[in-house]
Protein backbone atom coordinates (compact mmCIF):
# COMPACT_ATOMS: atom_id res chain seq x y z
CA UNK A 1 23.61 -46.00 -47.43
CA UNK A 2 22.61 -44.40 -44.12
CA UNK A 3 18.86 -43.94 -45.12
CA UNK A 4 17.78 -44.12 -41.44
CA UNK A 5 20.06 -41.54 -40.00
CA UNK A 6 19.10 -39.27 -43.00
CA UNK A 7 15.57 -39.62 -42.36
CA UNK A 8 15.99 -38.89 -38.52
CA UNK A 9 18.07 -35.56 -39.23
CA UNK A 10 15.36 -34.56 -41.72
CA UNK A 11 12.73 -35.20 -39.28
CA UNK A 12 14.51 -33.05 -36.58
CA UNK A 13 15.07 -30.25 -38.94
CA UNK A 14 11.35 -30.17 -39.86
CA UNK A 15 10.39 -29.91 -36.07
CA UNK A 16 12.80 -27.23 -35.36
CA UNK A 17 11.50 -25.38 -38.48
CA UNK A 18 7.88 -25.62 -37.22
CA UNK A 19 8.99 -24.31 -33.76
CA UNK A 20 10.69 -21.30 -35.22
CA UNK A 21 7.77 -20.56 -37.50
CA UNK A 22 5.49 -20.55 -34.46
CA UNK A 23 7.87 -18.13 -32.61
CA UNK A 24 7.99 -15.84 -35.65
CA UNK A 25 4.18 -15.80 -35.82
CA UNK A 26 3.81 -15.09 -32.07
CA UNK A 27 6.43 -12.10 -32.56
CA UNK A 28 4.28 -10.77 -35.59
CA UNK A 29 1.11 -11.07 -33.61
CA UNK A 30 2.60 -8.97 -30.79
CA UNK A 31 3.80 -6.22 -32.97
CA UNK A 32 0.34 -6.01 -34.73
CA UNK A 33 -1.34 -5.84 -31.42
CA UNK A 34 0.76 -3.23 -30.15
CA UNK A 35 0.45 -1.34 -33.23
CA UNK A 36 -3.27 -1.57 -33.22
CA UNK A 37 -3.14 -0.08 -29.71
CA UNK A 38 -0.97 2.68 -30.52
CA UNK A 39 -2.47 3.85 -33.60
CA UNK A 40 -5.80 5.40 -32.33
CA UNK A 41 -3.56 7.10 -29.77
CA UNK A 42 -1.43 8.59 -32.32
CA UNK A 43 -4.44 9.79 -34.36
CA UNK A 44 -6.20 11.29 -31.39
CA UNK A 45 -2.86 13.22 -30.73
CA UNK A 46 -2.70 14.43 -34.05
CA UNK A 47 -6.40 15.44 -34.12
CA UNK A 48 -5.78 17.61 -30.91
CA UNK A 49 -2.82 19.27 -32.45
CA UNK A 50 -5.05 20.18 -35.56
CA UNK A 51 -7.75 21.52 -33.18
CA UNK A 52 -5.14 23.71 -31.52
CA UNK A 53 -4.08 25.11 -34.80
CA UNK A 54 -7.68 25.79 -35.78
CA UNK A 55 -8.26 27.69 -32.67
CA UNK A 56 -5.17 29.97 -32.99
CA UNK A 57 -6.38 30.40 -36.62
CA UNK A 58 -9.84 31.73 -35.40
CA UNK A 59 -8.09 33.79 -32.48
CA UNK A 60 -6.02 36.00 -35.21
CA UNK A 61 -9.15 36.65 -37.25
CA UNK A 62 -10.22 40.09 -36.81
CA UNK A 63 -13.85 41.61 -36.78
CA UNK A 64 -14.69 43.70 -39.94
CA UNK A 65 -14.67 47.10 -38.16
CA UNK A 66 -11.33 46.06 -36.50
CA UNK A 67 -9.88 45.03 -39.91
CA UNK A 68 -10.82 48.49 -41.48
CA UNK A 69 -9.40 50.38 -38.41
CA UNK A 70 -6.27 48.36 -38.83
CA UNK A 71 -6.13 49.08 -42.56
CA UNK A 72 -6.56 52.91 -41.80
CA UNK A 73 -3.76 52.70 -39.10
CA UNK A 74 -1.53 50.71 -41.49
CA UNK A 75 -2.07 53.34 -44.42
CA UNK A 76 -1.14 56.10 -41.89
CA UNK A 77 1.76 54.16 -40.25
CA UNK A 78 5.29 54.94 -41.24
CA UNK A 79 6.92 52.58 -43.80
CA UNK A 80 9.17 51.01 -41.10
CA UNK A 81 6.30 49.94 -38.89
CA UNK A 82 4.47 48.57 -41.91
CA UNK A 83 7.53 46.48 -43.10
CA UNK A 84 7.94 45.09 -39.58
CA UNK A 85 4.31 44.02 -39.49
CA UNK A 86 4.73 42.05 -42.87
CA UNK A 87 7.65 40.42 -41.52
CA UNK A 88 5.87 39.36 -38.56
CA UNK A 89 3.04 38.09 -40.72
CA UNK A 90 5.40 35.93 -42.72
CA UNK A 91 7.10 34.50 -39.65
CA UNK A 92 3.58 33.61 -38.27
CA UNK A 93 2.82 31.63 -41.54
CA UNK A 94 6.02 29.78 -41.37
CA UNK A 95 5.41 28.72 -37.87
CA UNK A 96 1.85 27.62 -38.63
CA UNK A 97 3.06 25.56 -41.78
CA UNK A 98 5.96 23.98 -39.83
CA UNK A 99 3.43 23.06 -37.01
CA UNK A 100 0.99 21.30 -39.51
CA UNK A 101 3.83 19.46 -41.18
CA UNK A 102 5.25 18.16 -37.79
CA UNK A 103 1.74 16.70 -36.87
CA UNK A 104 1.53 14.90 -40.35
CA UNK A 105 5.16 13.50 -40.08
CA UNK A 106 4.61 12.24 -36.61
CA UNK A 107 1.37 10.60 -37.47
CA UNK A 108 2.93 8.84 -40.54
CA UNK A 109 6.14 7.92 -38.86
CA UNK A 110 4.16 6.36 -35.77
CA UNK A 111 2.49 3.83 -37.76
CA UNK A 112 5.38 3.17 -40.13
CA UNK A 113 7.83 2.52 -37.58
CA UNK A 114 5.66 0.07 -35.77
CA UNK A 115 5.04 -1.88 -39.06
CA UNK A 116 8.72 -1.85 -40.14
CA UNK A 117 9.31 -3.46 -36.59
CA UNK A 118 7.79 -6.55 -37.82
CA UNK A 119 10.42 -7.09 -40.30
CA UNK A 120 13.31 -6.43 -37.77
CA UNK A 121 11.88 -9.04 -35.17
CA UNK A 122 14.18 -11.59 -33.92
CA UNK A 123 13.03 -15.25 -33.01
CA UNK A 124 14.55 -16.15 -29.70
CA UNK A 125 14.67 -20.08 -28.81
CA UNK A 126 15.24 -21.12 -25.26
CA UNK A 127 15.60 -24.63 -24.09
CA UNK A 128 11.87 -25.01 -23.31
CA UNK A 129 10.96 -24.40 -26.97
CA UNK A 130 13.32 -27.15 -28.05
CA UNK A 131 13.14 -29.65 -25.23
CA UNK A 132 10.64 -32.20 -26.66
CA UNK A 133 11.97 -32.04 -30.13
CA UNK A 134 15.65 -32.68 -28.61
CA UNK A 135 14.46 -35.48 -26.45
CA UNK A 136 12.81 -37.20 -29.62
CA UNK A 137 16.02 -36.59 -31.72
CA UNK A 138 18.11 -38.36 -29.08
CA UNK A 139 15.89 -41.40 -29.19
CA UNK A 140 16.19 -41.27 -32.97
CA UNK A 141 19.97 -41.13 -32.91
CA UNK A 142 19.97 -44.21 -30.61
CA UNK A 143 17.70 -45.91 -33.15
CA UNK A 144 20.39 -45.09 -35.72
CA UNK A 145 23.17 -46.85 -34.06
CA UNK A 146 24.75 -43.67 -32.41
CA UNK A 147 25.93 -44.61 -29.11
CA UNK A 148 24.56 -42.97 -25.99
CA UNK A 149 27.48 -40.83 -25.30
CA UNK A 150 27.92 -39.64 -28.81
CA UNK A 151 24.13 -38.85 -29.04
CA UNK A 152 24.47 -36.79 -25.84
CA UNK A 153 27.60 -34.84 -27.48
CA UNK A 154 25.49 -34.15 -30.55
CA UNK A 155 22.49 -32.98 -28.63
CA UNK A 156 24.77 -30.65 -26.63
CA UNK A 157 26.38 -29.34 -29.72
CA UNK A 158 22.90 -28.59 -31.33
CA UNK A 159 21.74 -26.62 -28.25
CA UNK A 160 25.05 -24.50 -28.17
CA UNK A 161 24.33 -23.79 -31.83
CA UNK A 162 20.42 -23.12 -31.63
CA UNK A 163 19.40 -22.24 -27.98
CA UNK A 164 19.89 -18.60 -26.79
CA UNK A 165 20.66 -17.24 -30.24
CA UNK A 166 18.57 -14.54 -31.75
CA UNK A 167 17.48 -15.32 -35.22
CA UNK A 168 16.10 -12.49 -37.72
CA UNK A 169 12.48 -13.22 -38.92
CA UNK A 170 12.63 -14.10 -42.48
CA UNK A 171 15.88 -16.10 -42.25
CA UNK A 172 16.05 -19.45 -44.07
CA UNK A 173 15.25 -21.60 -40.97
CA UNK A 174 16.19 -25.00 -42.65
CA UNK A 175 19.63 -23.53 -43.54
CA UNK A 176 20.03 -22.42 -39.90
CA UNK A 177 18.96 -25.92 -38.55
CA UNK A 178 21.11 -27.73 -41.15
CA UNK A 179 24.33 -25.63 -40.17
CA UNK A 180 23.66 -26.44 -36.47
CA UNK A 181 23.40 -30.11 -37.33
CA UNK A 182 26.46 -30.08 -39.51
CA UNK A 183 28.54 -28.21 -36.98
CA UNK A 184 27.37 -30.58 -34.29
CA UNK A 185 28.17 -33.53 -36.20
CA UNK A 186 31.52 -32.52 -37.32
CA UNK A 187 32.50 -31.80 -33.86
CA UNK A 188 32.34 -35.32 -32.81
CA UNK A 189 34.82 -36.53 -35.46
CA UNK A 190 38.48 -36.19 -34.88
CA UNK A 191 40.79 -34.49 -37.34
CA UNK A 192 41.03 -36.18 -40.78
CA UNK A 193 43.81 -38.72 -41.67
CA UNK A 194 45.40 -38.80 -45.15
CA UNK A 195 46.48 -42.51 -45.35
CA UNK A 196 48.19 -42.24 -48.76
CA UNK A 197 50.28 -39.37 -47.52
CA UNK A 198 51.22 -41.24 -44.20
CA UNK A 199 52.54 -44.21 -46.21
CA UNK A 200 54.46 -41.89 -48.59
CA UNK A 201 56.26 -39.79 -45.91
CA UNK A 202 56.85 -42.52 -43.44
CA UNK A 203 60.09 -44.30 -43.21
CA UNK A 204 60.11 -47.73 -45.07
CA UNK A 205 58.83 -50.25 -44.56
CA UNK A 206 55.72 -48.90 -43.12
CA UNK A 207 54.30 -51.66 -40.79
CA UNK A 208 50.49 -51.74 -40.49
CA UNK A 209 48.75 -54.37 -38.26
CA UNK A 210 45.08 -54.99 -38.88
CA UNK A 211 42.92 -56.23 -35.94
CA UNK A 212 39.21 -57.17 -35.34
CA UNK A 213 37.12 -60.02 -34.57
CA UNK A 214 36.06 -63.05 -36.97
CA UNK A 215 33.85 -62.62 -39.92
CA UNK A 216 34.06 -58.96 -40.42
CA UNK A 217 36.01 -58.82 -43.58
CA UNK A 218 39.22 -58.09 -41.94
CA UNK A 219 41.18 -60.17 -44.49
CA UNK A 220 39.30 -58.91 -47.65
CA UNK A 221 40.05 -55.28 -46.34
CA UNK A 222 43.62 -56.04 -46.28
CA UNK A 223 43.63 -57.14 -49.88
CA UNK A 224 41.69 -54.17 -50.75
CA UNK A 225 44.32 -51.99 -48.96
CA UNK A 226 47.24 -53.80 -50.68
CA UNK A 227 45.40 -53.17 -54.18
CA UNK A 228 44.92 -49.38 -53.07
CA UNK A 229 48.56 -48.99 -52.37
CA UNK A 230 49.70 -50.88 -55.54
CA UNK A 231 47.58 -48.67 -57.63
CA UNK A 232 49.44 -45.69 -56.28
CA UNK A 233 52.96 -47.21 -56.93
CA UNK A 234 53.92 -48.73 -53.60
CA UNK A 235 55.29 -52.14 -52.99
CA UNK A 236 53.45 -54.38 -50.58
CA UNK A 237 54.47 -57.52 -48.40
CA UNK A 238 51.56 -59.44 -46.65
CA UNK A 239 52.15 -61.14 -43.33
CA UNK A 240 49.89 -64.10 -42.33
CA UNK A 241 49.88 -63.67 -38.69
CA UNK A 242 46.54 -65.52 -38.17
CA UNK A 243 48.02 -68.73 -37.31
CA UNK A 244 45.15 -70.03 -35.04
CA UNK A 245 42.29 -70.25 -37.71
CA UNK A 246 42.26 -73.14 -40.21
CA UNK A 247 42.09 -71.87 -43.71
CA UNK A 248 43.36 -68.22 -42.81
CA UNK A 249 46.65 -68.55 -44.59
CA UNK A 250 45.14 -70.18 -47.54
CA UNK A 251 42.44 -67.29 -47.67
CA UNK A 252 45.19 -64.48 -47.58
CA UNK A 253 47.39 -66.49 -50.20
CA UNK A 254 44.43 -66.38 -52.68
CA UNK A 255 44.27 -62.66 -52.39
CA UNK A 256 47.99 -62.26 -52.72
CA UNK A 257 48.08 -64.59 -56.00
CA UNK A 258 45.23 -62.47 -57.38
CA UNK A 259 47.30 -59.27 -56.59
CA UNK A 260 50.81 -60.83 -57.53
CA UNK A 261 51.96 -59.88 -53.95
CA UNK A 262 54.46 -61.95 -51.67
CA UNK A 263 52.93 -63.53 -48.43
CA UNK A 264 55.04 -64.34 -45.44
CA UNK A 265 53.70 -67.41 -43.43
CA UNK A 266 54.69 -69.82 -40.80
CA UNK A 267 53.09 -73.20 -39.93
CA UNK A 268 49.78 -73.51 -38.31
CA UNK A 269 49.82 -72.52 -34.51
CA UNK A 270 53.18 -70.60 -35.00
CA UNK A 271 53.93 -67.37 -32.98
CA UNK A 272 51.98 -64.45 -34.78
CA UNK A 273 54.70 -62.12 -33.65
CA UNK A 274 57.40 -63.98 -35.27
CA UNK A 275 55.45 -64.03 -38.56
CA UNK A 276 55.21 -60.12 -38.72
CA UNK A 277 58.84 -60.04 -37.56
CA UNK A 278 59.94 -61.96 -40.51
CA UNK A 279 57.73 -59.99 -42.94
CA UNK A 280 59.40 -56.77 -41.83
CA UNK A 281 62.80 -58.38 -42.30
CA UNK A 282 61.81 -59.64 -45.79
CA UNK A 283 60.56 -56.01 -46.66
CA UNK A 284 63.66 -54.50 -45.67
CA UNK A 285 66.03 -56.86 -47.52
CA UNK A 286 63.94 -56.56 -50.64
CA UNK A 287 63.18 -52.77 -50.43
CA UNK A 288 59.50 -53.11 -50.04
CA UNK A 289 57.41 -50.11 -48.96
CA UNK A 290 54.62 -51.60 -46.80
CA UNK A 291 53.97 -54.64 -44.63
CA UNK A 292 50.34 -55.40 -44.25
CA UNK A 293 49.99 -58.04 -41.26
CA UNK A 294 46.75 -60.05 -40.79
CA UNK A 295 46.19 -61.12 -37.33
CA UNK A 296 43.81 -63.73 -35.79
CA UNK A 297 39.99 -62.53 -35.55
CA UNK A 298 39.91 -62.68 -31.82
CA UNK A 299 37.11 -61.79 -29.69
CA UNK A 300 37.88 -58.73 -27.51
CA UNK A 301 36.90 -60.95 -24.45
CA UNK A 302 39.66 -63.56 -25.16
CA UNK A 303 42.53 -62.23 -22.81
CA UNK A 304 45.10 -64.69 -24.19
CA UNK A 305 44.63 -63.62 -27.90
CA UNK A 306 44.57 -60.00 -26.96
CA UNK A 307 47.89 -60.48 -25.06
CA UNK A 308 49.17 -62.02 -28.39
CA UNK A 309 48.29 -58.54 -30.16
CA UNK A 310 50.23 -56.75 -27.38
CA UNK A 311 53.37 -59.01 -28.10
CA UNK A 312 53.21 -58.25 -31.85
CA UNK A 313 53.15 -54.47 -30.98
CA UNK A 314 56.27 -54.97 -28.61
CA UNK A 315 58.16 -57.12 -31.29
CA UNK A 316 57.41 -55.16 -34.42
CA UNK A 317 56.35 -51.70 -33.21
CA UNK A 318 53.85 -51.01 -36.06
CA UNK A 319 53.49 -47.69 -37.69
CA UNK A 320 49.71 -48.13 -37.63
CA UNK A 321 47.19 -50.27 -35.83
CA UNK A 322 43.95 -50.48 -37.89
CA UNK A 323 40.73 -51.74 -36.37
CA UNK A 324 38.38 -53.51 -38.69
CA UNK A 325 34.65 -54.02 -38.20
CA UNK A 326 31.19 -54.14 -39.87
CA UNK A 327 29.13 -50.92 -40.13
CA UNK A 328 26.01 -52.82 -39.69
CA UNK A 329 27.45 -54.30 -36.29
CA UNK A 330 26.21 -51.04 -34.83
CA UNK A 331 26.90 -50.71 -31.04
CA UNK A 332 28.63 -54.13 -30.60
CA UNK A 333 31.16 -52.68 -33.16
CA UNK A 334 31.64 -49.54 -31.06
CA UNK A 335 32.26 -51.34 -28.01
CA UNK A 336 34.81 -53.71 -29.69
CA UNK A 337 36.67 -50.76 -30.92
CA UNK A 338 36.80 -49.31 -27.50
CA UNK A 339 38.07 -52.56 -25.98
CA UNK A 340 40.77 -52.95 -28.69
CA UNK A 341 41.77 -49.42 -28.25
CA UNK A 342 42.27 -50.02 -24.55
CA UNK A 343 44.26 -53.03 -25.08
CA UNK A 344 46.44 -52.29 -28.05
CA UNK A 345 45.84 -48.64 -28.85
CA UNK A 346 44.40 -48.64 -32.35
CA UNK A 347 45.33 -45.58 -34.54
CA UNK A 348 42.50 -45.74 -37.03
CA UNK A 349 39.34 -47.80 -38.25
CA UNK A 350 37.99 -49.33 -41.44
CA UNK A 351 34.34 -50.04 -41.62
CA UNK A 352 33.10 -52.95 -44.05
CA UNK A 353 29.77 -53.56 -45.43
CA UNK A 354 28.88 -49.78 -45.34
CA UNK A 355 26.87 -50.42 -48.69
CA UNK A 356 24.48 -52.34 -46.42
CA UNK A 357 24.31 -50.04 -43.62
CA UNK A 358 20.92 -48.29 -43.38
CA UNK A 359 21.47 -46.67 -39.95
CA UNK A 360 24.76 -44.89 -40.31
CA UNK A 361 25.63 -44.30 -36.62
CA UNK A 362 28.62 -46.62 -36.38
CA UNK A 363 30.99 -44.54 -38.13
CA UNK A 364 30.05 -41.52 -35.88
CA UNK A 365 30.22 -43.46 -32.76
CA UNK A 366 33.57 -45.40 -33.32
CA UNK A 367 35.18 -42.17 -34.31
CA UNK A 368 34.03 -40.32 -31.23
CA UNK A 369 34.51 -43.18 -28.61
CA UNK A 370 37.95 -43.91 -29.84
CA UNK A 371 38.99 -40.36 -30.82
CA UNK A 372 40.53 -41.92 -33.93
CA UNK A 373 39.85 -41.34 -37.58
CA UNK A 374 37.74 -43.70 -39.83
CA UNK A 375 40.09 -44.23 -42.90
CA UNK A 376 37.81 -46.10 -45.29
CA UNK A 377 34.32 -47.72 -45.92
CA UNK A 378 34.18 -50.87 -47.49
CA UNK A 379 31.32 -50.98 -49.99
CA UNK A 380 31.54 -54.40 -51.84
CA UNK A 381 33.63 -57.46 -52.38
CA UNK A 382 35.77 -56.22 -55.36
CA UNK A 383 39.26 -54.83 -54.58
CA UNK A 384 38.29 -51.39 -55.69
CA UNK A 385 35.31 -51.42 -53.38
CA UNK A 386 37.01 -49.03 -50.88
CA UNK A 387 35.96 -45.55 -50.27
CA UNK A 388 38.05 -42.88 -48.53
CA UNK A 389 36.18 -41.73 -45.45
CA UNK A 390 35.96 -37.91 -45.25
CA UNK A 391 34.09 -36.56 -42.25
CA UNK A 392 32.85 -33.50 -44.07
CA UNK A 393 31.60 -35.48 -47.17
CA UNK A 394 29.98 -37.77 -44.84
CA UNK A 395 27.97 -35.34 -43.03
CA UNK A 396 27.16 -33.35 -46.21
CA UNK A 397 25.76 -36.64 -47.55
CA UNK A 398 23.48 -37.54 -44.55
CA UNK A 399 22.28 -34.14 -44.61
CA UNK A 400 21.58 -33.72 -48.22
């Protein structure tokens, strides 16, 4: 799943790595150049200091006759004077040794500190460095079914994480970029939602209504949710509120028989709100935990059918309104989710056929556009082919 989005994210990571490496090389080159310029100056200064020392050494040397006279004078001098002269000689020697040592240390440190600076350098990225890479990345996101507002939000988050930040040379660039992408992607998702815990703590019966368009796998998804809940010890009632489509009741009944679950139904063309109302009353009377209501797969442009959904909401006051669509529908699914949310206020989404989705942008886009969590991904036709959606796991997977 999501191979295209994975490839696009990897491509962007490699581009940024290349940019950072070039910046590091430039920084190293600047230090090496500066060091090359400074080293001769340091050496020249040290040599001049050495010459001064040698001149001072020559200055203190005495001619032979003067040395003899000094020796005679020293022999004739009182012990106190001789002692003072010895002390002065010792002090002069110490000063000379200290001066020579200082010259050597300065020379060594001058080059050493410059070279050490290479390993302390920081790579600074500004917007100009990443402008082309970010522009290409935005196009890649759009090609992966990421809606434009979502792509723009991701790009903005990546900029905030990378641009203007100083990075030590030698740091793991790939890790830096991946962390920036991870943060950028997670920021577009709303907080996670624990469906099982919601059902467990909610007052019973929990009323859940499913909405979406025809052919997206809504009825099959309802059966999968019923199976999911039964496996965890909850009792379930189905409401066949799709009273406008021939065969809709039979399709739901077939799933109910396979799962040994009660279905509440009315005649063809009946009021969908009445069906859901009766299902809730049945659940209350028989101490059932959850009511799952199937509704007509209406197009979001059909105002009359959308009004029917509003009536269901008024009559039954559902605890959860779940939008169902195909992951492979791309931006069409994103637009439908937005319209359904405007009309009836969806609480969460489920995406079917995720196993066939090579792009991966729909989940990100729907979650961002509606500000509502994705609950599950449908990955097959079996009742157990329903995967809990976790934003962190999703992001880790597409960045792996």
